Amino acid sequence: MILDSHKLIAASGESGDRVQFTEYVQKNVALYQFRNGIPLTTAAAANFTRGELATALRKNPYFVNILLAGYDKETGPSLFYIDYIATLHKVDKGAFGYGSYFSLAMMDRHYKSGMTVEEAIDLVDKCIMEIRSRLVVAPPNFVIKIVDKDGAREYAWRESVKDAAVPSA
């Protein structure tokens, strides 16, 4: 999900919690920018998200794990991992879910700082192939999103199953 022009958020967890919480964060990030005239930095958005998860943890917890990525003019790219108990970590690479075991292993082996977009997409493709070959219930389709100095955007789809055409009656 796109938070703003230079931030993306990815979440896993119970569908109701995931949708409600990510939309809540998205709307509050937009509200901050509307009220103050400047966007939150990626670190500030991550800390806001962590704070809201921590507050909810004591009342009505959201069972969501989050990767928040962004690009700031002053600090450059950053990635934050926030788990369901509101632990915040700045990381170089991240994944969650069942496929994360395979993805993180591939990233540990092939990731290097300062990769080009093409090198990063090649690494993502390796992760997708690893998930497809080793995870029993692997998702059939993947969407790749990028956030960099040019903004947050959808980059590509990796499909193994396409929608079947419905025959006309």
Protein backbone atom coordinates (compact mmCIF):
# COMPACT_ATOMS: atom_id res chain seq x y z
CA MET A 1 0.00 0.00 0.00
CA ILE A 2 1.27 3.48 -0.82
CA LEU A 3 1.41 5.75 2.26
CA ASP A 4 2.44 8.87 0.38
CA SER A 5 4.49 9.84 -2.64
CA HIS A 6 7.73 8.39 -1.19
CA LYS A 7 6.59 5.71 1.28
CA LEU A 8 5.28 2.15 0.98
CA ILE A 9 3.88 -0.13 3.67
CA ALA A 10 3.56 -3.91 3.45
CA ALA A 11 1.66 -5.82 6.11
CA SER A 12 0.78 -9.39 6.99
CA GLY A 13 -1.62 -10.71 9.56
CA GLU A 14 -5.33 -11.22 10.12
CA SER A 15 -7.13 -9.60 7.19
CA GLY A 16 -9.38 -7.35 9.27
CA ASP A 17 -6.52 -6.14 11.47
CA ARG A 18 -4.23 -5.68 8.48
CA VAL A 19 -6.67 -3.62 6.43
CA GLN A 20 -7.96 -1.51 9.32
CA PHE A 21 -4.54 -0.72 10.75
CA THR A 22 -2.77 0.06 7.46
CA GLU A 23 -5.62 2.32 6.34
CA TYR A 24 -5.53 4.05 9.74
CA VAL A 25 -1.80 4.69 9.37
CA GLN A 26 -2.22 5.83 5.76
CA LYS A 27 -4.94 8.33 6.67
CA ASN A 28 -3.03 9.70 9.67
CA VAL A 29 0.15 10.18 7.62
CA ALA A 30 -1.95 12.11 5.06
CA LEU A 31 -3.61 14.11 7.88
CA TYR A 32 -0.22 15.10 9.27
CA GLN A 33 0.90 16.35 5.86
CA PHE A 34 -2.40 18.23 5.38
CA ARG A 35 -2.21 19.94 8.78
CA ASN A 36 1.49 20.78 8.73
CA GLY A 37 2.24 21.25 5.05
CA ILE A 38 5.21 18.85 5.10
CA PRO A 39 5.28 15.06 4.93
CA LEU A 40 6.55 12.84 7.74
CA THR A 41 10.00 11.41 7.23
CA THR A 42 10.18 7.66 6.82
CA ALA A 43 11.62 7.29 10.33
CA ALA A 44 8.82 9.48 11.77
CA ALA A 45 6.16 7.43 9.95
CA ALA A 46 7.73 4.22 11.30
CA ASN A 47 7.82 5.62 14.84
CA PHE A 48 4.20 6.77 14.56
CA THR A 49 3.20 3.30 13.36
CA ARG A 50 5.12 1.65 16.20
CA GLY A 51 3.50 3.97 18.73
CA GLU A 52 0.01 3.19 17.49
CA LEU A 53 0.72 -0.56 17.60
CA ALA A 54 2.11 -0.20 21.14
CA THR A 55 -0.97 1.73 22.29
CA ALA A 56 -3.29 -0.84 20.71
CA LEU A 57 -1.28 -3.68 22.26
CA ARG A 58 -2.58 -2.70 25.70
CA LYS A 59 -6.19 -2.26 24.61
CA ASN A 60 -7.24 -4.16 21.51
CA PRO A 61 -4.13 -5.47 19.72
CA TYR A 62 -3.67 -5.63 15.97
CA PHE A 63 -1.94 -8.81 14.86
CA VAL A 64 0.06 -7.32 11.99
CA ASN A 65 3.71 -7.38 10.96
CA ILE A 66 4.84 -4.42 8.88
CA LEU A 67 7.63 -3.45 6.51
CA LEU A 68 7.70 0.30 5.95
CA ALA A 69 9.97 1.59 3.18
CA GLY A 70 10.62 5.15 2.14
CA TYR A 71 12.94 7.64 0.56
CA ASP A 72 13.81 11.00 2.13
CA LYS A 73 15.82 13.70 0.36
CA GLU A 74 18.03 14.22 3.42
CA THR A 75 18.69 10.62 4.47
CA GLY A 76 18.03 8.56 1.34
CA PRO A 77 16.31 5.15 1.35
CA SER A 78 15.31 3.35 4.55
CA LEU A 79 13.41 0.23 5.54
CA PHE A 80 11.79 -0.48 8.90
CA TYR A 81 10.44 -3.76 10.28
CA ILE A 82 7.67 -3.49 12.89
CA ASP A 83 6.25 -6.67 14.40
CA TYR A 84 2.87 -7.28 16.05
CA ILE A 85 4.21 -6.47 19.52
CA ALA A 86 5.43 -3.05 18.34
CA THR A 87 9.14 -3.78 18.06
CA LEU A 88 10.75 -1.41 15.56
CA HIS A 89 14.00 -2.18 13.73
CA LYS A 90 15.73 -0.36 10.91
CA VAL A 91 16.91 -3.05 8.49
CA ASP A 92 18.67 -3.31 5.15
CA LYS A 93 16.45 -6.13 3.89
CA GLY A 94 13.32 -7.80 5.18
CA ALA A 95 10.53 -10.30 4.64
CA PHE A 96 7.79 -11.90 6.71
CA GLY A 97 5.47 -14.86 6.45
CA TYR A 98 6.19 -18.48 5.61
CA GLY A 99 8.19 -17.55 2.51
CA SER A 100 10.44 -15.26 4.54
CA TYR A 101 12.63 -18.19 5.60
CA PHE A 102 13.56 -18.80 1.96
CA SER A 103 13.64 -15.12 0.97
CA LEU A 104 15.86 -14.06 3.85
CA ALA A 105 18.27 -16.90 3.09
CA MET A 106 18.55 -15.69 -0.52
CA MET A 107 18.96 -12.09 0.63
CA ASP A 108 21.66 -13.04 3.14
CA ARG A 109 23.60 -14.67 0.35
CA HIS A 110 23.08 -12.19 -2.52
CA TYR A 111 22.25 -8.77 -1.00
CA LYS A 112 24.89 -6.07 -1.03
CA SER A 113 24.64 -2.40 -0.16
CA GLY A 114 24.32 0.00 -3.08
CA MET A 115 22.63 -2.41 -5.51
CA THR A 116 21.20 -1.01 -8.73
CA VAL A 117 17.49 -1.40 -9.47
CA GLU A 118 18.29 -4.17 -11.96
CA GLU A 119 20.39 -6.06 -9.39
CA ALA A 120 17.65 -5.67 -6.78
CA ILE A 121 14.96 -6.93 -9.19
CA ASP A 122 17.19 -9.90 -10.04
CA LEU A 123 17.44 -10.68 -6.31
CA VAL A 124 13.66 -10.38 -5.90
CA ASP A 125 13.21 -12.77 -8.83
CA LYS A 126 15.57 -15.25 -7.13
CA CYS A 127 13.50 -14.97 -3.94
CA ILE A 128 10.27 -15.54 -5.87
CA MET A 129 11.71 -18.60 -7.62
CA GLU A 130 12.90 -19.98 -4.28
CA ILE A 131 9.45 -19.50 -2.74
CA ARG A 132 7.72 -21.08 -5.72
CA SER A 133 10.01 -24.10 -5.70
CA ARG A 134 10.18 -24.75 -1.94
CA LEU A 135 6.97 -23.46 -0.33
CA VAL A 136 4.10 -25.91 -0.60
CA VAL A 137 1.36 -23.26 -0.65
CA ALA A 138 3.24 -20.53 -2.52
CA PRO A 139 1.17 -17.63 -3.85
CA PRO A 140 0.83 -17.79 -7.63
CA ASN A 141 1.39 -14.09 -8.35
CA PHE A 142 3.69 -11.40 -6.98
CA VAL A 143 3.73 -7.64 -7.39
CA ILE A 144 7.03 -5.76 -7.12
CA LYS A 145 6.91 -2.18 -5.85
CA ILE A 146 9.78 0.29 -5.66
CA VAL A 147 10.36 3.45 -3.66
CA ASP A 148 13.31 5.66 -4.58
CA LYS A 149 14.11 9.29 -5.33
CA ASP A 150 11.48 9.20 -8.10
CA GLY A 151 8.71 8.12 -5.69
CA ALA A 152 6.74 5.02 -4.77
CA ARG A 153 5.37 2.97 -7.64
CA GLU A 154 4.42 -0.45 -8.88
CA TYR A 155 7.33 -1.83 -10.89
CA ALA A 156 6.33 -5.25 -12.21
CA TRP A 157 4.17 -8.34 -11.83
CA ARG A 158 5.45 -11.88 -11.65
CA GLU A 159 2.58 -14.18 -12.60
CA SER A 160 2.50 -17.94 -12.77
CA VAL A 161 -1.30 -18.11 -13.00
CA LYS A 162 -3.27 -15.77 -15.22
CA ASP A 163 -7.02 -15.29 -15.05
CA ALA A 164 -8.71 -17.69 -17.40
CA ALA A 165 -10.86 -16.15 -20.11
CA VAL A 166 -14.54 -16.82 -19.54
CA PRO A 167 -16.10 -18.33 -22.67
CA SER A 168 -19.07 -16.46 -24.13
CA ALA A 169 -22.40 -18.21 -23.94
